[in-house]
Amino acid sequence: MYYKTWEELQKVCPITNGTWDKERLYEYLVQSCYQFSTQIETFFMEYQNDEDLADLLFSFLFDDNYDGSDSQMGAARVLQKMDRQLLRKKKDLLLKAQANEVFWKRPFPHDAHLEWLEE
């Protein structure tokens, strides 16, 4: 879908009453690759510690129905900025994502930046 303004996109906020809506989250992830990247990045900063969000982001990365979608690139970028302590709890999922042969589907494209995972 095309959104002319950030305000228009905000009307489909992916979280309502504390619950994530996967379809709306998809829209935010796709749009994060285009014109509203700064606003969307700021939005996700508030949810860096949200385990439900992390699980949904991993689900986008591993779901073949989204293969090649900008939502996967957006999910990888948001995961990269999630709380390190939370990501340590999701270590198996993170390492599975890192093993993807498609570079842009990896939350941390340069594996050398994963030393914190072992701390």
PDB file of N, CA and C in Angstrom:
ATOM      1  N   MET A   1       0.842  -1.176   0.000  1.00  0.00           N
ATOM      2  CA  MET A   1       0.000   0.000   0.000  1.00  0.00           C
ATOM      3  C   MET A   1       0.891   1.245   0.000  1.00  0.00           C
ATOM      4  N   TYR A   2       0.402   2.312  -0.556  1.00  0.00           N
ATOM      5  CA  TYR A   2       1.158   3.552  -0.625  1.00  0.00           C
ATOM      6  C   TYR A   2       0.618   4.550   0.399  1.00  0.00           C
ATOM      7  N   TYR A   3       1.513   5.161   1.153  1.00  0.00           N
ATOM      8  CA  TYR A   3       1.149   6.178   2.142  1.00  0.00           C
ATOM      9  C   TYR A   3       1.837   7.478   1.763  1.00  0.00           C
ATOM     10  N   LYS A   4       1.056   8.538   1.666  1.00  0.00           N
ATOM     11  CA  LYS A   4       1.612   9.826   1.268  1.00  0.00           C
ATOM     12  C   LYS A   4       2.344  10.513   2.407  1.00  0.00           C
ATOM     13  N   THR A   5       1.846  10.334   3.630  1.00  0.00           N
ATOM     14  CA  THR A   5       2.437  11.017   4.771  1.00  0.00           C
ATOM     15  C   THR A   5       2.644  10.048   5.933  1.00  0.00           C
ATOM     16  N   TRP A   6       3.525  10.449   6.849  1.00  0.00           N
ATOM     17  CA  TRP A   6       3.761   9.671   8.049  1.00  0.00           C
ATOM     18  C   TRP A   6       2.472   9.579   8.877  1.00  0.00           C
ATOM     19  N   GLU A   7       1.722  10.639   8.916  1.00  0.00           N
ATOM     20  CA  GLU A   7       0.476  10.654   9.672  1.00  0.00           C
ATOM     21  C   GLU A   7      -0.508   9.611   9.139  1.00  0.00           C
ATOM     22  N   GLU A   8      -0.519   9.459   7.843  1.00  0.00           N
ATOM     23  CA  GLU A   8      -1.387   8.465   7.207  1.00  0.00           C
ATOM     24  C   GLU A   8      -0.958   7.041   7.607  1.00  0.00           C
ATOM     25  N   LEU A   9       0.343   6.800   7.617  1.00  0.00           N
ATOM     26  CA  LEU A   9       0.845   5.488   8.018  1.00  0.00           C
ATOM     27  C   LEU A   9       0.590   5.227   9.496  1.00  0.00           C
ATOM     28  N   GLN A  10       0.696   6.254  10.321  1.00  0.00           N
ATOM     29  CA  GLN A  10       0.464   6.091  11.754  1.00  0.00           C
ATOM     30  C   GLN A  10      -0.941   5.573  12.059  1.00  0.00           C
ATOM     31  N   LYS A  11      -1.864   5.795  11.169  1.00  0.00           N
ATOM     32  CA  LYS A  11      -3.240   5.323  11.370  1.00  0.00           C
ATOM     33  C   LYS A  11      -3.331   3.798  11.339  1.00  0.00           C
ATOM     34  N   VAL A  12      -2.310   3.145  10.799  1.00  0.00           N
ATOM     35  CA  VAL A  12      -2.269   1.680  10.802  1.00  0.00           C
ATOM     36  C   VAL A  12      -1.164   1.207  11.750  1.00  0.00           C
ATOM     37  N   CYS A  13      -1.068   1.855  12.900  1.00  0.00           N
ATOM     38  CA  CYS A  13      -0.065   1.512  13.904  1.00  0.00           C
ATOM     39  C   CYS A  13      -0.107   0.005  14.176  1.00  0.00           C
ATOM     40  N   PRO A  14       1.048  -0.650  14.195  1.00  0.00           N
ATOM     41  CA  PRO A  14       1.064  -2.103  14.344  1.00  0.00           C
ATOM     42  C   PRO A  14       0.798  -2.616  15.759  1.00  0.00           C
ATOM     43  N   ILE A  15       0.635  -1.725  16.706  1.00  0.00           N
ATOM     44  CA  ILE A  15       0.344  -2.166  18.064  1.00  0.00           C
ATOM     45  C   ILE A  15      -0.861  -1.391  18.591  1.00  0.00           C
ATOM     46  N   THR A  16      -1.852  -2.138  19.025  1.00  0.00           N
ATOM     47  CA  THR A  16      -3.036  -1.519  19.603  1.00  0.00           C
ATOM     48  C   THR A  16      -3.395  -2.271  20.874  1.00  0.00           C
ATOM     49  N   ASN A  17      -3.677  -1.519  21.901  1.00  0.00           N
ATOM     50  CA  ASN A  17      -4.010  -2.096  23.206  1.00  0.00           C
ATOM     51  C   ASN A  17      -2.969  -3.115  23.663  1.00  0.00           C
ATOM     52  N   GLY A  18      -1.709  -2.835  23.373  1.00  0.00           N
ATOM     53  CA  GLY A  18      -0.620  -3.690  23.820  1.00  0.00           C
ATOM     54  C   GLY A  18      -0.404  -4.965  23.023  1.00  0.00           C
ATOM     55  N   THR A  19      -1.108  -5.126  21.905  1.00  0.00           N
ATOM     56  CA  THR A  19      -1.002  -6.338  21.098  1.00  0.00           C
ATOM     57  C   THR A  19      -0.506  -5.996  19.698  1.00  0.00           C
ATOM     58  N   TRP A  20       0.444  -6.775  19.217  1.00  0.00           N
ATOM     59  CA  TRP A  20       0.977  -6.568  17.875  1.00  0.00           C
ATOM     60  C   TRP A  20       0.052  -7.174  16.831  1.00  0.00           C
ATOM     61  N   ASP A  21      -0.167  -6.441  15.758  1.00  0.00           N
ATOM     62  CA  ASP A  21      -0.960  -6.894  14.625  1.00  0.00           C
ATOM     63  C   ASP A  21       0.027  -7.182  13.492  1.00  0.00           C
ATOM     64  N   LYS A  22       0.147  -8.436  13.108  1.00  0.00           N
ATOM     65  CA  LYS A  22       1.171  -8.838  12.139  1.00  0.00           C
ATOM     66  C   LYS A  22       0.972  -8.174  10.773  1.00  0.00           C
ATOM     67  N   GLU A  23      -0.261  -8.017  10.332  1.00  0.00           N
ATOM     68  CA  GLU A  23      -0.500  -7.374   9.032  1.00  0.00           C
ATOM     69  C   GLU A  23      -0.069  -5.913   9.049  1.00  0.00           C
ATOM     70  N   ARG A  24      -0.365  -5.232  10.129  1.00  0.00           N
ATOM     71  CA  ARG A  24       0.035  -3.831  10.240  1.00  0.00           C
ATOM     72  C   ARG A  24       1.549  -3.712  10.429  1.00  0.00           C
ATOM     73  N   LEU A  25       2.116  -4.647  11.169  1.00  0.00           N
ATOM     74  CA  LEU A  25       3.562  -4.662  11.345  1.00  0.00           C
ATOM     75  C   LEU A  25       4.247  -4.840   9.991  1.00  0.00           C
ATOM     76  N   TYR A  26       3.667  -5.687   9.165  1.00  0.00           N
ATOM     77  CA  TYR A  26       4.181  -5.889   7.810  1.00  0.00           C
ATOM     78  C   TYR A  26       4.270  -4.542   7.081  1.00  0.00           C
ATOM     79  N   GLU A  27       3.224  -3.741   7.168  1.00  0.00           N
ATOM     80  CA  GLU A  27       3.217  -2.426   6.495  1.00  0.00           C
ATOM     81  C   GLU A  27       4.352  -1.544   7.007  1.00  0.00           C
ATOM     82  N   TYR A  28       4.547  -1.524   8.321  1.00  0.00           N
ATOM     83  CA  TYR A  28       5.620  -0.704   8.886  1.00  0.00           C
ATOM     84  C   TYR A  28       6.987  -1.209   8.423  1.00  0.00           C
ATOM     85  N   LEU A  29       7.160  -2.518   8.392  1.00  0.00           N
ATOM     86  CA  LEU A  29       8.451  -3.060   7.977  1.00  0.00           C
ATOM     87  C   LEU A  29       8.747  -2.744   6.517  1.00  0.00           C
ATOM     88  N   VAL A  30       7.762  -2.868   5.657  1.00  0.00           N
ATOM     89  CA  VAL A  30       7.941  -2.540   4.245  1.00  0.00           C
ATOM     90  C   VAL A  30       8.242  -1.050   4.096  1.00  0.00           C
ATOM     91  N   GLN A  31       7.459  -0.218   4.748  1.00  0.00           N
ATOM     92  CA  GLN A  31       7.652   1.226   4.635  1.00  0.00           C
ATOM     93  C   GLN A  31       8.988   1.670   5.220  1.00  0.00           C
ATOM     94  N   SER A  32       9.528   0.901   6.173  1.00  0.00           N
ATOM     95  CA  SER A  32      10.818   1.271   6.765  1.00  0.00           C
ATOM     96  C   SER A  32      11.942   1.223   5.732  1.00  0.00           C
ATOM     97  N   CYS A  33      11.703   0.566   4.630  1.00  0.00           N
ATOM     98  CA  CYS A  33      12.703   0.488   3.558  1.00  0.00           C
ATOM     99  C   CYS A  33      12.589   1.661   2.596  1.00  0.00           C
ATOM    100  N   TYR A  34      11.620   2.520   2.818  1.00  0.00           N
ATOM    101  CA  TYR A  34      11.359   3.620   1.890  1.00  0.00           C
ATOM    102  C   TYR A  34      11.340   4.965   2.589  1.00  0.00           C
ATOM    103  N   GLN A  35      10.304   5.730   2.386  1.00  0.00           N
ATOM    104  CA  GLN A  35      10.306   7.133   2.770  1.00  0.00           C
ATOM    105  C   GLN A  35      10.154   7.439   4.245  1.00  0.00           C
ATOM    106  N   PHE A  36       9.674   6.542   5.055  1.00  0.00           N
ATOM    107  CA  PHE A  36       9.439   6.847   6.462  1.00  0.00           C
ATOM    108  C   PHE A  36      10.414   6.128   7.385  1.00  0.00           C
ATOM    109  N   SER A  37      11.583   5.827   6.896  1.00  0.00           N
ATOM    110  CA  SER A  37      12.531   5.021   7.673  1.00  0.00           C
ATOM    111  C   SER A  37      12.901   5.670   9.005  1.00  0.00           C
ATOM    112  N   THR A  38      13.129   6.969   9.035  1.00  0.00           N
ATOM    113  CA  THR A  38      13.524   7.638  10.275  1.00  0.00           C
ATOM    114  C   THR A  38      12.404   7.588  11.310  1.00  0.00           C
ATOM    115  N   GLN A  39      11.179   7.889  10.896  1.00  0.00           N
ATOM    116  CA  GLN A  39      10.050   7.865  11.827  1.00  0.00           C
ATOM    117  C   GLN A  39       9.778   6.457  12.345  1.00  0.00           C
ATOM    118  N   ILE A  40       9.886   5.485  11.469  1.00  0.00           N
ATOM    119  CA  ILE A  40       9.617   4.103  11.866  1.00  0.00           C
ATOM    120  C   ILE A  40      10.718   3.606  12.801  1.00  0.00           C
ATOM    121  N   GLU A  41      11.939   3.975  12.528  1.00  0.00           N
ATOM    122  CA  GLU A  41      13.036   3.591  13.424  1.00  0.00           C
ATOM    123  C   GLU A  41      12.805   4.180  14.812  1.00  0.00           C
ATOM    124  N   THR A  42      12.396   5.416  14.874  1.00  0.00           N
ATOM    125  CA  THR A  42      12.092   6.053  16.151  1.00  0.00           C
ATOM    126  C   THR A  42      10.937   5.329  16.850  1.00  0.00           C
ATOM    127  N   PHE A  43       9.920   4.955  16.097  1.00  0.00           N
ATOM    128  CA  PHE A  43       8.790   4.213  16.658  1.00  0.00           C
ATOM    129  C   PHE A  43       9.265   2.917  17.318  1.00  0.00           C
ATOM    130  N   PHE A  44      10.085   2.149  16.620  1.00  0.00           N
ATOM    131  CA  PHE A  44      10.532   0.854  17.132  1.00  0.00           C
ATOM    132  C   PHE A  44      11.483   0.982  18.317  1.00  0.00           C
ATOM    133  N   MET A  45      12.145   2.106  18.472  1.00  0.00           N
ATOM    134  CA  MET A  45      13.048   2.309  19.610  1.00  0.00           C
ATOM    135  C   MET A  45      12.309   2.130  20.938  1.00  0.00           C
ATOM    136  N   GLU A  46      11.037   2.457  20.961  1.00  0.00           N
ATOM    137  CA  GLU A  46      10.237   2.319  22.186  1.00  0.00           C
ATOM    138  C   GLU A  46       9.984   0.859  22.548  1.00  0.00           C
ATOM    139  N   TYR A  47      10.224  -0.043  21.610  1.00  0.00           N
ATOM    140  CA  TYR A  47       9.883  -1.458  21.811  1.00  0.00           C
ATOM    141  C   TYR A  47      11.111  -2.364  21.729  1.00  0.00           C
ATOM    142  N   GLN A  48      12.282  -1.827  22.028  1.00  0.00           N
ATOM    143  CA  GLN A  48      13.526  -2.596  21.940  1.00  0.00           C
ATOM    144  C   GLN A  48      13.550  -3.822  22.848  1.00  0.00           C
ATOM    145  N   ASN A  49      12.773  -3.790  23.909  1.00  0.00           N
ATOM    146  CA  ASN A  49      12.764  -4.884  24.886  1.00  0.00           C
ATOM    147  C   ASN A  49      11.545  -5.776  24.753  1.00  0.00           C
ATOM    148  N   ASP A  50      10.793  -5.617  23.694  1.00  0.00           N
ATOM    149  CA  ASP A  50       9.528  -6.334  23.536  1.00  0.00           C
ATOM    150  C   ASP A  50       9.759  -7.713  22.924  1.00  0.00           C
ATOM    151  N   GLU A  51       9.590  -8.731  23.729  1.00  0.00           N
ATOM    152  CA  GLU A  51       9.841 -10.097  23.281  1.00  0.00           C
ATOM    153  C   GLU A  51       8.843 -10.538  22.213  1.00  0.00           C
ATOM    154  N   ASP A  52       7.596 -10.099  22.333  1.00  0.00           N
ATOM    155  CA  ASP A  52       6.598 -10.450  21.315  1.00  0.00           C
ATOM    156  C   ASP A  52       6.979  -9.865  19.956  1.00  0.00           C
ATOM    157  N   LEU A  53       7.477  -8.638  19.966  1.00  0.00           N
ATOM    158  CA  LEU A  53       7.928  -8.023  18.714  1.00  0.00           C
ATOM    159  C   LEU A  53       9.087  -8.818  18.130  1.00  0.00           C
ATOM    160  N   ALA A  54      10.056  -9.177  18.954  1.00  0.00           N
ATOM    161  CA  ALA A  54      11.201  -9.948  18.467  1.00  0.00           C
ATOM    162  C   ALA A  54      10.733 -11.255  17.827  1.00  0.00           C
ATOM    163  N   ASP A  55       9.803 -11.942  18.474  1.00  0.00           N
ATOM    164  CA  ASP A  55       9.295 -13.198  17.921  1.00  0.00           C
ATOM    165  C   ASP A  55       8.623 -12.979  16.564  1.00  0.00           C
ATOM    166  N   LEU A  56       7.857 -11.911  16.448  1.00  0.00           N
ATOM    167  CA  LEU A  56       7.208 -11.613  15.166  1.00  0.00           C
ATOM    168  C   LEU A  56       8.230 -11.276  14.086  1.00  0.00           C
ATOM    169  N   LEU A  57       9.251 -10.533  14.451  1.00  0.00           N
ATOM    170  CA  LEU A  57      10.284 -10.171  13.473  1.00  0.00           C
ATOM    171  C   LEU A  57      11.005 -11.419  12.966  1.00  0.00           C
ATOM    172  N   PHE A  58      11.320 -12.328  13.880  1.00  0.00           N
ATOM    173  CA  PHE A  58      11.940 -13.589  13.447  1.00  0.00           C
ATOM    174  C   PHE A  58      10.978 -14.378  12.561  1.00  0.00           C
ATOM    175  N   SER A  59       9.692 -14.314  12.879  1.00  0.00           N
ATOM    176  CA  SER A  59       8.727 -15.065  12.055  1.00  0.00           C
ATOM    177  C   SER A  59       8.702 -14.543  10.622  1.00  0.00           C
ATOM    178  N   PHE A  60       8.876 -13.248  10.433  1.00  0.00           N
ATOM    179  CA  PHE A  60       8.961 -12.703   9.072  1.00  0.00           C
ATOM    180  C   PHE A  60      10.189 -13.252   8.357  1.00  0.00           C
ATOM    181  N   LEU A  61      11.307 -13.325   9.067  1.00  0.00           N
ATOM    182  CA  LEU A  61      12.547 -13.797   8.444  1.00  0.00           C
ATOM    183  C   LEU A  61      12.480 -15.258   8.024  1.00  0.00           C
ATOM    184  N   PHE A  62      11.747 -16.075   8.788  1.00  0.00           N
ATOM    185  CA  PHE A  62      11.735 -17.514   8.527  1.00  0.00           C
ATOM    186  C   PHE A  62      10.529 -18.007   7.734  1.00  0.00           C
ATOM    187  N   ASP A  63       9.608 -17.134   7.442  1.00  0.00           N
ATOM    188  CA  ASP A  63       8.384 -17.525   6.739  1.00  0.00           C
ATOM    189  C   ASP A  63       8.591 -17.388   5.232  1.00  0.00           C
ATOM    190  N   ASP A  64       8.522 -18.512   4.526  1.00  0.00           N
ATOM    191  CA  ASP A  64       8.715 -18.497   3.073  1.00  0.00           C
ATOM    192  C   ASP A  64       7.668 -17.660   2.342  1.00  0.00           C
ATOM    193  N   ASN A  65       6.528 -17.420   2.961  1.00  0.00           N
ATOM    194  CA  ASN A  65       5.498 -16.592   2.330  1.00  0.00           C
ATOM    195  C   ASN A  65       5.972 -15.148   2.150  1.00  0.00           C
ATOM    196  N   TYR A  66       6.970 -14.742   2.936  1.00  0.00           N
ATOM    197  CA  TYR A  66       7.499 -13.382   2.833  1.00  0.00           C
ATOM    198  C   TYR A  66       8.833 -13.348   2.096  1.00  0.00           C
ATOM    199  N   ASP A  67       9.229 -14.472   1.525  1.00  0.00           N
ATOM    200  CA  ASP A  67      10.528 -14.560   0.875  1.00  0.00           C
ATOM    201  C   ASP A  67      10.686 -13.470  -0.188  1.00  0.00           C
ATOM    202  N   GLY A  68      11.736 -12.689  -0.058  1.00  0.00           N
ATOM    203  CA  GLY A  68      11.999 -11.619  -1.009  1.00  0.00           C
ATOM    204  C   GLY A  68      11.268 -10.327  -0.714  1.00  0.00           C
ATOM    205  N   SER A  69      10.428 -10.332   0.294  1.00  0.00           N
ATOM    206  CA  SER A  69       9.668  -9.137   0.643  1.00  0.00           C
ATOM    207  C   SER A  69      10.543  -8.132   1.387  1.00  0.00           C
ATOM    208  N   ASP A  70      10.253  -6.866   1.195  1.00  0.00           N
ATOM    209  CA  ASP A  70      10.948  -5.820   1.943  1.00  0.00           C
ATOM    210  C   ASP A  70      10.693  -5.966   3.440  1.00  0.00           C
ATOM    211  N   SER A  71       9.628  -6.670   3.801  1.00  0.00           N
ATOM    212  CA  SER A  71       9.346  -6.875   5.225  1.00  0.00           C
ATOM    213  C   SER A  71      10.474  -7.649   5.887  1.00  0.00           C
ATOM    214  N   GLN A  72      11.121  -8.525   5.164  1.00  0.00           N
ATOM    215  CA  GLN A  72      12.229  -9.284   5.742  1.00  0.00           C
ATOM    216  C   GLN A  72      13.445  -8.387   5.974  1.00  0.00           C
ATOM    217  N   MET A  73      13.706  -7.506   5.040  1.00  0.00           N
ATOM    218  CA  MET A  73      14.809  -6.562   5.217  1.00  0.00           C
ATOM    219  C   MET A  73      14.519  -5.649   6.402  1.00  0.00           C
ATOM    220  N   GLY A  74      13.283  -5.177   6.487  1.00  0.00           N
ATOM    221  CA  GLY A  74      12.888  -4.329   7.614  1.00  0.00           C
ATOM    222  C   GLY A  74      12.981  -5.071   8.932  1.00  0.00           C
ATOM    223  N   ALA A  75      12.546  -6.323   8.958  1.00  0.00           N
ATOM    224  CA  ALA A  75      12.605  -7.126  10.186  1.00  0.00           C
ATOM    225  C   ALA A  75      14.056  -7.303  10.640  1.00  0.00           C
ATOM    226  N   ALA A  76      14.942  -7.578   9.711  1.00  0.00           N
ATOM    227  CA  ALA A  76      16.357  -7.750  10.060  1.00  0.00           C
ATOM    228  C   ALA A  76      16.921  -6.458  10.647  1.00  0.00           C
ATOM    229  N   ARG A  77      16.571  -5.330  10.066  1.00  0.00           N
ATOM    230  CA  ARG A  77      17.078  -4.045  10.568  1.00  0.00           C
ATOM    231  C   ARG A  77      16.549  -3.720  11.954  1.00  0.00           C
ATOM    232  N   VAL A  78      15.269  -4.014  12.193  1.00  0.00           N
ATOM    233  CA  VAL A  78      14.694  -3.741  13.513  1.00  0.00           C
ATOM    234  C   VAL A  78      15.324  -4.676  14.550  1.00  0.00           C
ATOM    235  N   LEU A  79      15.506  -5.940  14.189  1.00  0.00           N
ATOM    236  CA  LEU A  79      16.137  -6.886  15.116  1.00  0.00           C
ATOM    237  C   LEU A  79      17.539  -6.431  15.506  1.00  0.00           C
ATOM    238  N   GLN A  80      18.250  -5.858  14.582  1.00  0.00           N
ATOM    239  CA  GLN A  80      19.605  -5.386  14.855  1.00  0.00           C
ATOM    240  C   GLN A  80      19.627  -4.360  15.980  1.00  0.00           C
ATOM    241  N   LYS A  81      18.549  -3.630  16.146  1.00  0.00           N
ATOM    242  CA  LYS A  81      18.498  -2.562  17.148  1.00  0.00           C
ATOM    243  C   LYS A  81      17.778  -2.981  18.433  1.00  0.00           C
ATOM    244  N   MET A  82      17.394  -4.248  18.499  1.00  0.00           N
ATOM    245  CA  MET A  82      16.717  -4.736  19.704  1.00  0.00           C
ATOM    246  C   MET A  82      17.727  -4.840  20.847  1.00  0.00           C
ATOM    247  N   ASP A  83      17.220  -4.890  22.057  1.00  0.00           N
ATOM    248  CA  ASP A  83      18.035  -5.002  23.254  1.00  0.00           C
ATOM    249  C   ASP A  83      18.900  -6.261  23.196  1.00  0.00           C
ATOM    250  N   ARG A  84      20.177  -6.114  23.477  1.00  0.00           N
ATOM    251  CA  ARG A  84      21.120  -7.237  23.399  1.00  0.00           C
ATOM    252  C   ARG A  84      20.747  -8.357  24.384  1.00  0.00           C
ATOM    253  N   GLN A  85      20.298  -7.992  25.564  1.00  0.00           N
ATOM    254  CA  GLN A  85      19.911  -9.001  26.552  1.00  0.00           C
ATOM    255  C   GLN A  85      18.749  -9.841  26.024  1.00  0.00           C
ATOM    256  N   LEU A  86      17.786  -9.199  25.406  1.00  0.00           N
ATOM    257  CA  LEU A  86      16.657  -9.910  24.808  1.00  0.00           C
ATOM    258  C   LEU A  86      17.137 -10.837  23.690  1.00  0.00           C
ATOM    259  N   LEU A  87      18.032 -10.337  22.856  1.00  0.00           N
ATOM    260  CA  LEU A  87      18.532 -11.146  21.749  1.00  0.00           C
ATOM    261  C   LEU A  87      19.361 -12.335  22.237  1.00  0.00           C
ATOM    262  N   ARG A  88      20.021 -12.178  23.371  1.00  0.00           N
ATOM    263  CA  ARG A  88      20.750 -13.323  23.939  1.00  0.00           C
ATOM    264  C   ARG A  88      19.765 -14.439  24.294  1.00  0.00           C
ATOM    265  N   LYS A  89      18.585 -14.065  24.778  1.00  0.00           N
ATOM    266  CA  LYS A  89      17.551 -15.071  25.095  1.00  0.00           C
ATOM    267  C   LYS A  89      17.054 -15.759  23.819  1.00  0.00           C
ATOM    268  N   LYS A  90      17.197 -15.091  22.700  1.00  0.00           N
ATOM    269  CA  LYS A  90      16.751 -15.611  21.401  1.00  0.00           C
ATOM    270  C   LYS A  90      17.943 -16.070  20.560  1.00  0.00           C
ATOM    271  N   LYS A  91      19.003 -16.455  21.220  1.00  0.00           N
ATOM    272  CA  LYS A  91      20.267 -16.766  20.546  1.00  0.00           C
ATOM    273  C   LYS A  91      20.094 -17.787  19.420  1.00  0.00           C
ATOM    274  N   ASP A  92      19.337 -18.850  19.664  1.00  0.00           N
ATOM    275  CA  ASP A  92      19.161 -19.869  18.628  1.00  0.00           C
ATOM    276  C   ASP A  92      18.499 -19.298  17.374  1.00  0.00           C
ATOM    277  N   LEU A  93      17.473 -18.470  17.569  1.00  0.00           N
ATOM    278  CA  LEU A  93      16.803 -17.844  16.426  1.00  0.00           C
ATOM    279  C   LEU A  93      17.734 -16.871  15.712  1.00  0.00           C
ATOM    280  N   LEU A  94      18.485 -16.119  16.507  1.00  0.00           N
ATOM    281  CA  LEU A  94      19.403 -15.149  15.918  1.00  0.00           C
ATOM    282  C   LEU A  94      20.477 -15.850  15.083  1.00  0.00           C
ATOM    283  N   LEU A  95      21.034 -16.923  15.615  1.00  0.00           N
ATOM    284  CA  LEU A  95      22.062 -17.653  14.861  1.00  0.00           C
ATOM    285  C   LEU A  95      21.476 -18.304  13.613  1.00  0.00           C
ATOM    286  N   LYS A  96      20.224 -18.748  13.702  1.00  0.00           N
ATOM    287  CA  LYS A  96      19.559 -19.299  12.509  1.00  0.00           C
ATOM    288  C   LYS A  96      19.411 -18.209  11.451  1.00  0.00           C
ATOM    289  N   ALA A  97      19.021 -17.015  11.867  1.00  0.00           N
ATOM    290  CA  ALA A  97      18.889 -15.900  10.921  1.00  0.00           C
ATOM    291  C   ALA A  97      20.255 -15.521  10.346  1.00  0.00           C
ATOM    292  N   GLN A  98      21.280 -15.545  11.183  1.00  0.00           N
ATOM    293  CA  GLN A  98      22.628 -15.201  10.725  1.00  0.00           C
ATOM    294  C   GLN A  98      23.160 -16.193   9.709  1.00  0.00           C
ATOM    295  N   ALA A  99      22.654 -17.411   9.746  1.00  0.00           N
ATOM    296  CA  ALA A  99      23.120 -18.449   8.830  1.00  0.00           C
ATOM    297  C   ALA A  99      22.497 -18.332   7.445  1.00  0.00           C
ATOM    298  N   ASN A 100      21.553 -17.424   7.277  1.00  0.00           N
ATOM    299  CA  ASN A 100      20.882 -17.279   5.990  1.00  0.00           C
ATOM    300  C   ASN A 100      21.886 -16.873   4.922  1.00  0.00           C
ATOM    301  N   GLU A 101      21.804 -17.519   3.781  1.00  0.00           N
ATOM    302  CA  GLU A 101      22.721 -17.198   2.678  1.00  0.00           C
ATOM    303  C   GLU A 101      22.424 -15.834   2.062  1.00  0.00           C
ATOM    304  N   VAL A 102      21.228 -15.317   2.305  1.00  0.00           N
ATOM    305  CA  VAL A 102      20.861 -13.996   1.788  1.00  0.00           C
ATOM    306  C   VAL A 102      21.322 -12.946   2.796  1.00  0.00           C
ATOM    307  N   PHE A 103      22.311 -12.195   2.405  1.00  0.00           N
ATOM    308  CA  PHE A 103      22.987 -11.236   3.273  1.00  0.00           C
ATOM    309  C   PHE A 103      22.029 -10.270   3.967  1.00  0.00           C
ATOM    310  N   TRP A 104      21.065  -9.712   3.240  1.00  0.00           N
ATOM    311  CA  TRP A 104      20.188  -8.691   3.808  1.00  0.00           C
ATOM    312  C   TRP A 104      19.118  -9.262   4.737  1.00  0.00           C
ATOM    313  N   LYS A 105      19.015 -10.582   4.831  1.00  0.00           N
ATOM    314  CA  LYS A 105      18.086 -11.191   5.780  1.00  0.00           C
ATOM    315  C   LYS A 105      18.736 -11.412   7.144  1.00  0.00           C
ATOM    316  N   ARG A 106      20.013 -11.099   7.245  1.00  0.00           N
ATOM    317  CA  ARG A 106      20.737 -11.264   8.501  1.00  0.00           C
ATOM    318  C   ARG A 106      20.613  -9.988   9.337  1.00  0.00           C
ATOM    319  N   PRO A 107      20.193 -10.110  10.590  1.00  0.00           N
ATOM    320  CA  PRO A 107      20.127  -8.914  11.439  1.00  0.00           C
ATOM    321  C   PRO A 107      21.485  -8.236  11.609  1.00  0.00           C
ATOM    322  N   PHE A 108      22.551  -9.031  11.633  1.00  0.00           N
ATOM    323  CA  PHE A 108      23.901  -8.488  11.759  1.00  0.00           C
ATOM    324  C   PHE A 108      24.709  -8.999  10.566  1.00  0.00           C
ATOM    325  N   PRO A 109      24.698  -8.243   9.474  1.00  0.00           N
ATOM    326  CA  PRO A 109      25.343  -8.700   8.247  1.00  0.00           C
ATOM    327  C   PRO A 109      26.816  -9.087   8.430  1.00  0.00           C
ATOM    328  N   HIS A 110      27.481  -8.466   9.380  1.00  0.00           N
ATOM    329  CA  HIS A 110      28.883  -8.779   9.627  1.00  0.00           C
ATOM    330  C   HIS A 110      28.968  -9.570  10.922  1.00  0.00           C
ATOM    331  N   ASP A 111      29.143 -10.876  10.805  1.00  0.00           N
ATOM    332  CA  ASP A 111      29.164 -11.750  11.974  1.00  0.00           C
ATOM    333  C   ASP A 111      30.163 -11.299  13.039  1.00  0.00           C
ATOM    334  N   ALA A 112      31.177 -10.563  12.640  1.00  0.00           N
ATOM    335  CA  ALA A 112      32.198 -10.118  13.591  1.00  0.00           C
ATOM    336  C   ALA A 112      31.591  -9.243  14.691  1.00  0.00           C
ATOM    337  N   HIS A 113      30.420  -8.690  14.442  1.00  0.00           N
ATOM    338  CA  HIS A 113      29.781  -7.825  15.432  1.00  0.00           C
ATOM    339  C   HIS A 113      28.909  -8.603  16.414  1.00  0.00           C
ATOM    340  N   LEU A 114      29.108  -9.894  16.521  1.00  0.00           N
ATOM    341  CA  LEU A 114      28.289 -10.723  17.400  1.00  0.00           C
ATOM    342  C   LEU A 114      29.021 -11.176  18.656  1.00  0.00           C
ATOM    343  N   GLU A 115      30.178 -10.628  18.935  1.00  0.00           N
ATOM    344  CA  GLU A 115      30.921 -11.059  20.111  1.00  0.00           C
ATOM    345  C   GLU A 115      30.120 -10.847  21.406  1.00  0.00           C
ATOM    346  N   TRP A 116      29.247  -9.874  21.440  1.00  0.00           N
ATOM    347  CA  TRP A 116      28.406  -9.616  22.609  1.00  0.00           C
ATOM    348  C   TRP A 116      27.460 -10.763  22.918  1.00  0.00           C
ATOM    349  N   LEU A 117      27.183 -11.603  21.926  1.00  0.00           N
ATOM    350  CA  LEU A 117      26.254 -12.717  22.103  1.00  0.00           C
ATOM    351  C   LEU A 117      26.823 -13.757  23.083  1.00  0.00           C
ATOM    352  N   GLU A 118      28.141 -13.811  23.198  1.00  0.00           N
ATOM    353  CA  GLU A 118      28.791 -14.784  24.071  1.00  0.00           C
ATOM    354  C   GLU A 118      29.080 -14.246  25.464  1.00  0.00           C
ATOM    355  N   GLU A 119      28.837 -12.989  25.696  1.00  0.00           N
ATOM    356  CA  GLU A 119      29.149 -12.381  27.006  1.00  0.00           C
ATOM    357  C   GLU A 119      28.277 -12.923  28.102  1.00  0.00           C
TER     358      GLU A 119
END
